[in-house]
Amino acid sequence: MAEQQASPDEVVLGQEAGGARVITLNRPRQLNGISDRVVYLLAQFLEKWEKDDNAKLVIFKGAGRAFSAGGDLKMFYEGRSDDSCLEVVYRMYWLCYHIHTYKKTTVALVNGLVMGGGAAMVAPLKFAVVTEKTIFATPEASVGLHTDCSFSYIHSRLPGYLGEYLALTGARLNAKEMISAGLATHFVSSEKLEELEKRLLNLDSGDESTVRAVIEEFSTDVQPDEDSVLNKLSTINKCFSAETVEDIIKAFESEASTGENQWIAPVLKGLRRSSPTALKITLRSIREGRKQSLPECLTKEFRLTMNILRSVVNGDVYEGIRALSIDKDNAPKWNPATLEEVKNEDIDRVFQPFSPEQELQVPSDDSNRWSGKYENTVYAKASQ
């Protein structure tokens, strides 16, 4: 292994070994939460390596017991009185586009928790290796946010209405379920992960079939357990295809009353605890995502995130973070408190497009692939 290109205390480590490049998310105590520094370094490494003819394979992994628990919620809370989080939000959505469309072969080694923005570095990759320790979730609605970082694109393309279910309930999937749903590609026992990484590092090849063959030497075919939610897709499709969040909950409650559906009660409980406004924004975003391209989804999600962080309609996101991460009383007081009180015109306001120069600048083609950086936007110029 070549020497690390940063101090061992840096939040993202970039390593080079032959034709392999390794990104290690390195905030283990924070479960590799995504901060502004993390996003900045990720983009630096990925651009450099995509342009490097000697780089053939890029491996993503996380230090400690998580791959990444997603965005650093306290960072958003501390920036609640101004636009200080604008830069990290812009950079993250811009980076999501490049992760989805990356030109080199990519492998994620996911041994632990992977949520939200962390999962946005896994689901789009060519190869996503998960273990018996992997747990996936997109629980943003429970803290007053929306399913973000390209997940209105990813979730809307899952089987049936599974995406709506995962986004609205924040339900967790294990590794077997991730593979079955198409959110990961291979199951490898955690005890074999280090050996697999060594083999990939020594491969000196980015050829997809060659990389796949190595991973398959270590992987096991798996199926969801009998009681997995993926074996309940007919019920999920029946309920989560409904037009509104109210209708979804009503249908779900109706299914819960039948004998074989005891699994629904705890899921319903979580659904009812989430921000009513966030639930409505999330459902609309995923429904729109079914008809939108990746750039359209990311542009829309950037608007939603900025409008929510700017409290355009309410401050639910800060109340959710307070209840979950600051005071930890798990008793958020949402405003409004019920789905019925959420006004359609308020949801419309959150989806309102920005002026062209304030939108996320997603590259239009490969000739300007790494353009649209934060530094060249009106936002950066305004902050100078």
Protein backbone atom coordinates (compact mmCIF):
# COMPACT_ATOMS: atom_id res chain seq x y z
CA MET A 1 0.00 0.00 0.00
CA ALA A 2 1.34 3.42 -0.93
CA GLU A 3 1.58 6.09 1.72
CA GLN A 4 -1.59 7.96 2.58
CA GLN A 5 -1.87 11.33 0.90
CA ALA A 6 -3.08 13.04 4.07
CA SER A 7 -2.44 12.88 7.77
CA PRO A 8 -3.95 9.79 9.43
CA ASP A 9 -6.28 12.16 11.31
CA GLU A 10 -7.80 13.58 8.10
CA VAL A 11 -11.56 12.98 7.70
CA VAL A 12 -11.07 11.32 4.29
CA LEU A 13 -7.99 9.29 3.42
CA GLY A 14 -6.92 8.76 -0.17
CA GLN A 15 -4.55 5.90 -0.89
CA GLU A 16 -2.90 4.69 -4.07
CA ALA A 17 -1.67 1.16 -4.74
CA GLY A 18 -0.78 0.22 -8.32
CA GLY A 19 -3.89 0.76 -10.39
CA ALA A 20 -6.16 0.85 -7.31
CA ARG A 21 -7.28 3.92 -5.39
CA VAL A 22 -8.93 3.74 -1.96
CA ILE A 23 -11.17 6.32 -0.30
CA THR A 24 -11.59 5.77 3.44
CA LEU A 25 -14.20 7.81 5.30
CA ASN A 26 -12.31 8.48 8.50
CA ARG A 27 -14.61 9.89 11.20
CA PRO A 28 -15.31 6.64 13.07
CA ARG A 29 -16.51 8.34 16.28
CA GLN A 30 -19.09 10.27 14.27
CA LEU A 31 -20.06 7.13 12.33
CA ASN A 32 -18.35 8.74 9.32
CA GLY A 33 -20.91 11.51 9.18
CA ILE A 34 -20.61 13.72 6.11
CA SER A 35 -19.23 17.19 6.89
CA ASP A 36 -18.18 20.00 4.56
CA ARG A 37 -14.54 18.82 4.75
CA VAL A 38 -15.55 15.25 3.88
CA VAL A 39 -17.41 16.34 0.75
CA TYR A 40 -14.63 18.68 -0.33
CA LEU A 41 -11.95 15.97 -0.07
CA LEU A 42 -14.10 13.30 -1.75
CA ALA A 43 -14.59 15.52 -4.78
CA GLN A 44 -10.86 16.33 -4.92
CA PHE A 45 -9.85 12.66 -4.93
CA LEU A 46 -12.53 11.55 -7.39
CA GLU A 47 -11.74 14.25 -9.94
CA LYS A 48 -7.99 13.64 -9.70
CA TRP A 49 -8.36 9.86 -10.10
CA GLU A 50 -10.89 10.01 -12.93
CA LYS A 51 -8.37 12.08 -14.89
CA ASP A 52 -5.45 9.79 -13.97
CA ASP A 53 -4.82 7.10 -16.61
CA ASN A 54 -2.99 5.00 -14.00
CA ALA A 55 -6.08 4.83 -11.77
CA LYS A 56 -8.22 1.88 -12.84
CA LEU A 57 -10.28 0.92 -9.81
CA VAL A 58 -11.67 3.07 -6.97
CA ILE A 59 -12.66 1.46 -3.66
CA PHE A 60 -14.84 3.21 -1.06
CA LYS A 61 -14.87 2.12 2.60
CA GLY A 62 -15.49 3.47 6.08
CA ALA A 63 -13.30 3.32 9.19
CA GLY A 64 -14.81 1.75 12.31
CA ARG A 65 -18.27 0.23 12.67
CA ALA A 66 -20.09 2.32 10.06
CA PHE A 67 -19.63 3.01 6.39
CA SER A 68 -21.42 6.33 6.87
CA ALA A 69 -24.48 7.37 8.87
CA GLY A 70 -25.11 10.23 6.41
CA GLY A 71 -25.09 13.99 6.86
CA ASP A 72 -23.70 15.54 10.03
CA LEU A 73 -26.96 16.69 11.66
CA LYS A 74 -25.29 18.86 14.31
CA MET A 75 -23.53 20.79 11.54
CA PHE A 76 -26.94 21.72 10.11
CA TYR A 77 -28.29 22.62 13.54
CA GLU A 78 -25.35 24.89 14.31
CA GLY A 79 -25.82 26.64 10.96
CA ARG A 80 -29.56 27.17 11.39
CA SER A 81 -29.46 30.97 11.64
CA ASP A 82 -27.73 31.60 8.31
CA ASP A 83 -26.70 30.02 5.01
CA SER A 84 -23.51 28.49 6.39
CA CYS A 85 -24.56 24.98 5.26
CA LEU A 86 -25.21 26.08 1.70
CA GLU A 87 -21.70 25.20 0.58
CA VAL A 88 -21.73 21.62 1.89
CA VAL A 89 -25.24 21.03 0.48
CA TYR A 90 -24.25 22.36 -2.96
CA ARG A 91 -21.01 20.37 -3.00
CA MET A 92 -22.78 17.15 -1.91
CA TYR A 93 -25.44 17.25 -4.63
CA TRP A 94 -22.84 18.16 -7.26
CA LEU A 95 -20.71 15.23 -6.01
CA CYS A 96 -23.69 12.84 -6.15
CA TYR A 97 -23.93 13.45 -9.90
CA HIS A 98 -20.27 12.49 -10.33
CA ILE A 99 -20.57 9.38 -8.18
CA HIS A 100 -23.53 8.16 -10.28
CA THR A 101 -21.69 8.84 -13.54
CA TYR A 102 -18.10 8.03 -12.53
CA LYS A 103 -15.90 6.87 -15.39
CA LYS A 104 -13.73 4.37 -13.51
CA THR A 105 -14.83 1.03 -12.04
CA THR A 106 -16.02 1.53 -8.45
CA VAL A 107 -16.42 -0.84 -5.49
CA ALA A 108 -17.95 -0.04 -2.09
CA LEU A 109 -16.99 -2.25 0.86
CA VAL A 110 -19.84 -1.70 3.31
CA ASN A 111 -19.36 -3.28 6.72
CA GLY A 112 -21.82 -1.57 9.05
CA LEU A 113 -24.36 1.26 9.06
CA VAL A 114 -25.04 3.02 5.76
CA MET A 115 -27.68 5.74 5.71
CA GLY A 116 -28.84 8.72 3.68
CA GLY A 117 -25.93 10.55 2.06
CA GLY A 118 -23.64 7.68 3.01
CA ALA A 119 -25.80 5.30 1.00
CA ALA A 120 -25.55 7.73 -1.94
CA MET A 121 -21.90 6.61 -2.16
CA VAL A 122 -22.93 2.95 -2.33
CA ALA A 123 -26.13 2.37 -4.29
CA PRO A 124 -24.92 3.99 -7.56
CA LEU A 125 -21.58 2.14 -7.68
CA LYS A 126 -20.85 -0.66 -10.13
CA PHE A 127 -20.13 -3.04 -7.23
CA ALA A 128 -21.50 -2.65 -3.70
CA VAL A 129 -20.30 -5.35 -1.31
CA VAL A 130 -22.28 -5.73 1.92
CA THR A 131 -21.83 -7.98 4.98
CA GLU A 132 -23.90 -9.44 7.80
CA LYS A 133 -23.16 -6.20 9.71
CA THR A 134 -24.62 -3.89 7.07
CA ILE A 135 -27.80 -1.93 7.84
CA PHE A 136 -29.33 0.50 5.35
CA ALA A 137 -31.94 3.22 5.92
CA THR A 138 -33.13 6.59 4.61
CA PRO A 139 -34.76 8.04 7.75
CA GLU A 140 -34.68 11.74 6.77
CA ALA A 141 -38.45 12.34 7.12
CA SER A 142 -38.18 11.42 10.80
CA VAL A 143 -35.97 14.48 11.39
CA GLY A 144 -38.02 16.86 9.26
CA LEU A 145 -35.87 16.61 6.13
CA HIS A 146 -36.65 14.73 2.87
CA THR A 147 -35.10 11.70 1.19
CA ASP A 148 -32.10 13.42 -0.36
CA CYS A 149 -28.69 12.98 -2.03
CA SER A 150 -30.14 11.43 -5.22
CA PHE A 151 -32.54 9.09 -3.43
CA SER A 152 -35.62 10.52 -5.16
CA TYR A 153 -33.93 9.00 -8.23
CA ILE A 154 -32.76 5.76 -6.58
CA HIS A 155 -35.89 5.00 -4.53
CA SER A 156 -38.26 5.73 -7.39
CA ARG A 157 -36.53 2.99 -9.41
CA LEU A 158 -36.76 0.22 -6.82
CA PRO A 159 -39.25 -2.65 -7.30
CA GLY A 160 -42.90 -1.58 -7.04
CA TYR A 161 -43.48 1.03 -4.35
CA LEU A 162 -40.65 -0.13 -2.09
CA GLY A 163 -38.96 3.27 -2.51
CA GLU A 164 -41.95 5.15 -1.12
CA TYR A 165 -42.08 2.67 1.76
CA LEU A 166 -38.39 3.08 2.66
CA ALA A 167 -38.49 6.87 2.33
CA LEU A 168 -41.64 7.47 4.34
CA THR A 169 -41.08 4.92 7.12
CA GLY A 170 -37.28 5.08 7.44
CA ALA A 171 -37.43 1.25 7.62
CA ARG A 172 -34.10 -0.55 7.76
CA LEU A 173 -32.88 -3.20 5.35
CA ASN A 174 -30.21 -5.78 6.04
CA ALA A 175 -27.57 -6.87 3.51
CA LYS A 176 -29.66 -9.67 2.00
CA GLU A 177 -32.55 -7.26 1.48
CA MET A 178 -30.29 -4.62 -0.05
CA ILE A 179 -29.11 -7.13 -2.64
CA SER A 180 -32.63 -8.33 -3.39
CA ALA A 181 -33.81 -4.73 -3.82
CA GLY A 182 -30.88 -3.81 -6.07
CA LEU A 183 -29.21 -1.44 -3.57
CA ALA A 184 -26.12 -3.68 -3.36
CA THR A 185 -24.55 -6.32 -5.60
CA HIS A 186 -22.66 -8.89 -3.47
CA PHE A 187 -22.75 -10.42 0.00
CA VAL A 188 -19.35 -11.18 1.56
CA SER A 189 -18.83 -12.30 5.15
CA SER A 190 -17.17 -9.55 7.20
CA GLU A 191 -14.29 -11.86 8.12
CA LYS A 192 -13.39 -12.16 4.41
CA LEU A 193 -13.59 -8.47 3.64
CA GLU A 194 -9.97 -7.62 4.35
CA GLU A 195 -8.73 -10.44 2.14
CA LEU A 196 -11.07 -9.33 -0.65
CA GLU A 197 -9.71 -5.80 -0.40
CA LYS A 198 -6.14 -7.07 -0.65
CA ARG A 199 -7.01 -9.06 -3.78
CA LEU A 200 -8.64 -6.01 -5.37
CA LEU A 201 -5.61 -3.86 -4.52
CA ASN A 202 -3.28 -6.34 -6.21
CA LEU A 203 -5.48 -6.73 -9.27
CA ASP A 204 -4.08 -3.78 -11.24
CA SER A 205 -7.21 -3.84 -13.39
CA GLY A 206 -10.43 -1.91 -13.70
CA ASP A 207 -11.97 -4.40 -16.11
CA GLU A 208 -15.50 -5.00 -14.82
CA SER A 209 -15.62 -8.72 -15.53
CA THR A 210 -12.23 -9.21 -13.85
CA VAL A 211 -13.31 -7.26 -10.76
CA ARG A 212 -16.62 -9.11 -10.65
CA ALA A 213 -14.84 -12.49 -10.84
CA VAL A 214 -12.64 -11.60 -7.83
CA ILE A 215 -15.60 -10.42 -5.75
CA GLU A 216 -17.56 -13.56 -6.66
CA GLU A 217 -14.75 -15.73 -5.32
CA PHE A 218 -15.52 -14.29 -1.88
CA SER A 219 -19.27 -13.78 -2.16
CA THR A 220 -22.21 -15.95 -1.17
CA ASP A 221 -25.61 -16.09 -2.85
CA VAL A 222 -28.22 -14.88 -0.38
CA GLN A 223 -31.99 -14.53 -0.26
CA PRO A 224 -34.09 -12.38 2.08
CA ASP A 225 -35.26 -14.17 5.23
CA GLU A 226 -38.78 -15.56 5.25
CA ASP A 227 -40.15 -12.69 7.34
CA SER A 228 -38.38 -10.00 5.26
CA VAL A 229 -40.36 -6.97 4.20
CA LEU A 230 -39.34 -7.82 0.62
CA ASN A 231 -41.63 -10.82 0.87
CA LYS A 232 -44.45 -8.41 1.69
CA LEU A 233 -44.17 -6.32 -1.47
CA SER A 234 -47.76 -7.01 -2.50
CA THR A 235 -48.98 -5.34 0.71
CA ILE A 236 -46.48 -2.49 0.33
CA ASN A 237 -47.50 -1.90 -3.29
CA LYS A 238 -51.19 -1.94 -2.34
CA CYS A 239 -50.69 0.70 0.37
CA PHE A 240 -47.82 2.87 -0.82
CA SER A 241 -49.19 3.34 -4.33
CA ALA A 242 -51.94 5.51 -2.81
CA GLU A 243 -51.95 9.12 -3.94
CA THR A 244 -51.46 10.95 -0.63
CA VAL A 245 -49.66 10.29 2.65
CA GLU A 246 -53.05 10.26 4.40
CA ASP A 247 -54.35 7.58 2.01
CA ILE A 248 -51.15 5.55 2.43
CA ILE A 249 -51.50 5.56 6.21
CA LYS A 250 -55.20 4.70 5.99
CA ALA A 251 -54.49 1.75 3.68
CA PHE A 252 -51.60 0.61 5.89
CA GLU A 253 -53.80 0.77 9.00
CA SER A 254 -56.42 -1.29 7.23
CA GLU A 255 -53.83 -3.97 6.35
CA ALA A 256 -52.53 -3.95 9.95
CA SER A 257 -55.89 -5.18 11.19
CA THR A 258 -55.50 -8.53 9.43
CA GLY A 259 -53.94 -11.43 11.34
CA GLU A 260 -50.78 -12.01 9.30
CA ASN A 261 -49.67 -8.37 9.29
CA GLN A 262 -48.31 -7.83 12.80
CA TRP A 263 -45.14 -6.38 11.24
CA ILE A 264 -47.05 -3.24 10.25
CA ALA A 265 -47.78 -1.86 13.75
CA PRO A 266 -44.20 -0.79 14.65
CA VAL A 267 -43.67 0.60 11.13
CA LEU A 268 -46.87 2.65 11.44
CA LYS A 269 -45.69 3.97 14.78
CA GLY A 270 -42.52 5.33 13.17
CA LEU A 271 -44.49 6.76 10.26
CA ARG A 272 -46.82 8.66 12.59
CA ARG A 273 -43.87 10.07 14.57
CA SER A 274 -42.32 11.74 11.49
CA SER A 275 -42.78 15.36 10.46
CA PRO A 276 -46.09 15.66 8.54
CA THR A 277 -44.57 18.33 6.27
CA ALA A 278 -41.48 16.22 5.60
CA LEU A 279 -43.62 13.19 4.74
CA LYS A 280 -45.58 15.18 2.16
CA ILE A 281 -42.42 16.68 0.63
CA THR A 282 -40.77 13.24 0.51
CA LEU A 283 -43.70 11.51 -1.19
CA ARG A 284 -44.03 14.21 -3.82
CA SER A 285 -40.27 14.20 -4.48
CA ILE A 286 -40.18 10.44 -5.07
CA ARG A 287 -43.31 10.51 -7.22
CA GLU A 288 -41.75 13.24 -9.35
CA GLY A 289 -38.49 11.27 -9.38
CA ARG A 290 -40.19 8.41 -11.23
CA LYS A 291 -40.41 10.69 -14.28
CA GLN A 292 -37.21 12.69 -13.79
CA SER A 293 -33.63 12.18 -14.96
CA LEU A 294 -30.76 12.07 -12.48
CA PRO A 295 -29.83 15.77 -13.07
CA GLU A 296 -33.49 16.77 -12.66
CA CYS A 297 -33.76 14.82 -9.39
CA LEU A 298 -30.57 16.36 -8.00
CA THR A 299 -31.57 19.89 -9.02
CA LYS A 300 -34.96 19.46 -7.36
CA GLU A 301 -33.46 17.90 -4.21
CA PHE A 302 -30.97 20.77 -3.88
CA ARG A 303 -33.89 23.23 -3.88
CA LEU A 304 -35.82 21.18 -1.35
CA THR A 305 -32.87 20.89 1.01
CA MET A 306 -32.04 24.59 0.85
CA ASN A 307 -35.68 25.63 1.33
CA ILE A 308 -36.06 23.28 4.29
CA LEU A 309 -32.80 24.48 5.90
CA ARG A 310 -33.88 28.07 5.31
CA SER A 311 -37.17 27.33 7.13
CA VAL A 312 -39.16 28.60 4.13
CA VAL A 313 -42.26 26.83 5.48
CA ASN A 314 -41.34 25.79 9.01
CA GLY A 315 -38.41 24.85 11.24
CA ASP A 316 -39.27 21.14 11.50
CA VAL A 317 -35.78 20.05 10.48
CA TYR A 318 -34.20 21.88 13.42
CA GLU A 319 -36.84 20.60 15.81
CA GLY A 320 -36.22 17.07 14.53
CA ILE A 321 -32.44 17.36 14.95
CA ARG A 322 -32.91 18.88 18.40
CA ALA A 323 -35.12 15.98 19.51
CA LEU A 324 -32.92 13.27 17.97
CA SER A 325 -29.35 14.54 18.33
CA ILE A 326 -29.17 17.55 20.67
CA ASP A 327 -31.56 17.13 23.63
CA LYS A 328 -32.25 13.51 22.66
CA ASP A 329 -35.74 13.57 24.15
CA ASN A 330 -37.17 11.93 20.99
CA ALA A 331 -40.25 14.12 21.34
CA PRO A 332 -40.26 16.57 18.42
CA LYS A 333 -43.07 19.14 18.28
CA TRP A 334 -43.86 19.42 14.59
CA ASN A 335 -45.43 22.52 13.04
CA PRO A 336 -48.05 21.77 11.88
CA ALA A 337 -48.61 18.70 14.03
CA THR A 338 -50.92 16.79 11.68
CA LEU A 339 -50.99 15.87 7.99
CA GLU A 340 -54.41 17.48 7.61
CA GLU A 341 -53.01 20.87 8.64
CA VAL A 342 -50.21 20.87 6.05
CA LYS A 343 -51.18 23.31 3.28
CA ASN A 344 -50.63 22.32 -0.35
CA GLU A 345 -49.42 25.86 -1.16
CA ASP A 346 -46.66 25.48 1.45
CA ILE A 347 -45.46 22.25 -0.19
CA ASP A 348 -45.57 24.02 -3.57
CA ARG A 349 -43.34 26.80 -2.19
CA VAL A 350 -40.65 24.31 -1.17
CA PHE A 351 -40.58 22.89 -4.73
CA GLN A 352 -40.41 26.33 -6.39
CA PRO A 353 -37.45 26.57 -8.82
CA PHE A 354 -34.66 29.05 -8.08
CA SER A 355 -33.40 31.58 -10.58
CA PRO A 356 -31.15 29.82 -13.15
CA GLU A 357 -27.88 31.03 -11.62
CA GLN A 358 -28.95 29.83 -8.14
CA GLU A 359 -29.79 26.30 -9.25
CA LEU A 360 -27.42 23.36 -8.86
CA GLN A 361 -25.07 23.52 -11.86
CA VAL A 362 -25.04 19.92 -13.08
CA PRO A 363 -22.64 19.39 -16.03
CA SER A 364 -24.52 19.04 -19.32
CA ASP A 365 -22.07 16.67 -21.03
CA ASP A 366 -18.67 15.03 -20.69
CA SER A 367 -16.78 17.92 -22.24
CA ASN A 368 -17.56 20.09 -19.19
CA ARG A 369 -17.86 17.18 -16.78
CA TRP A 370 -16.15 18.77 -13.77
CA SER A 371 -17.62 22.24 -14.26
CA GLY A 372 -20.29 23.79 -12.05
CA LYS A 373 -18.15 23.69 -8.91
CA TYR A 374 -19.28 25.67 -5.88
CA GLU A 375 -16.33 28.05 -6.27
CA ASN A 376 -17.73 29.24 -9.61
CA THR A 377 -21.31 29.83 -8.44
CA VAL A 378 -23.11 33.00 -7.38
CA TYR A 379 -23.17 31.56 -3.88
CA ALA A 380 -19.38 31.52 -3.54
CA LYS A 381 -19.08 34.97 -5.04
CA ALA A 382 -21.69 36.33 -2.61
CA SER A 383 -19.82 34.90 0.38
CA GLN A 384 -16.45 36.43 -0.60
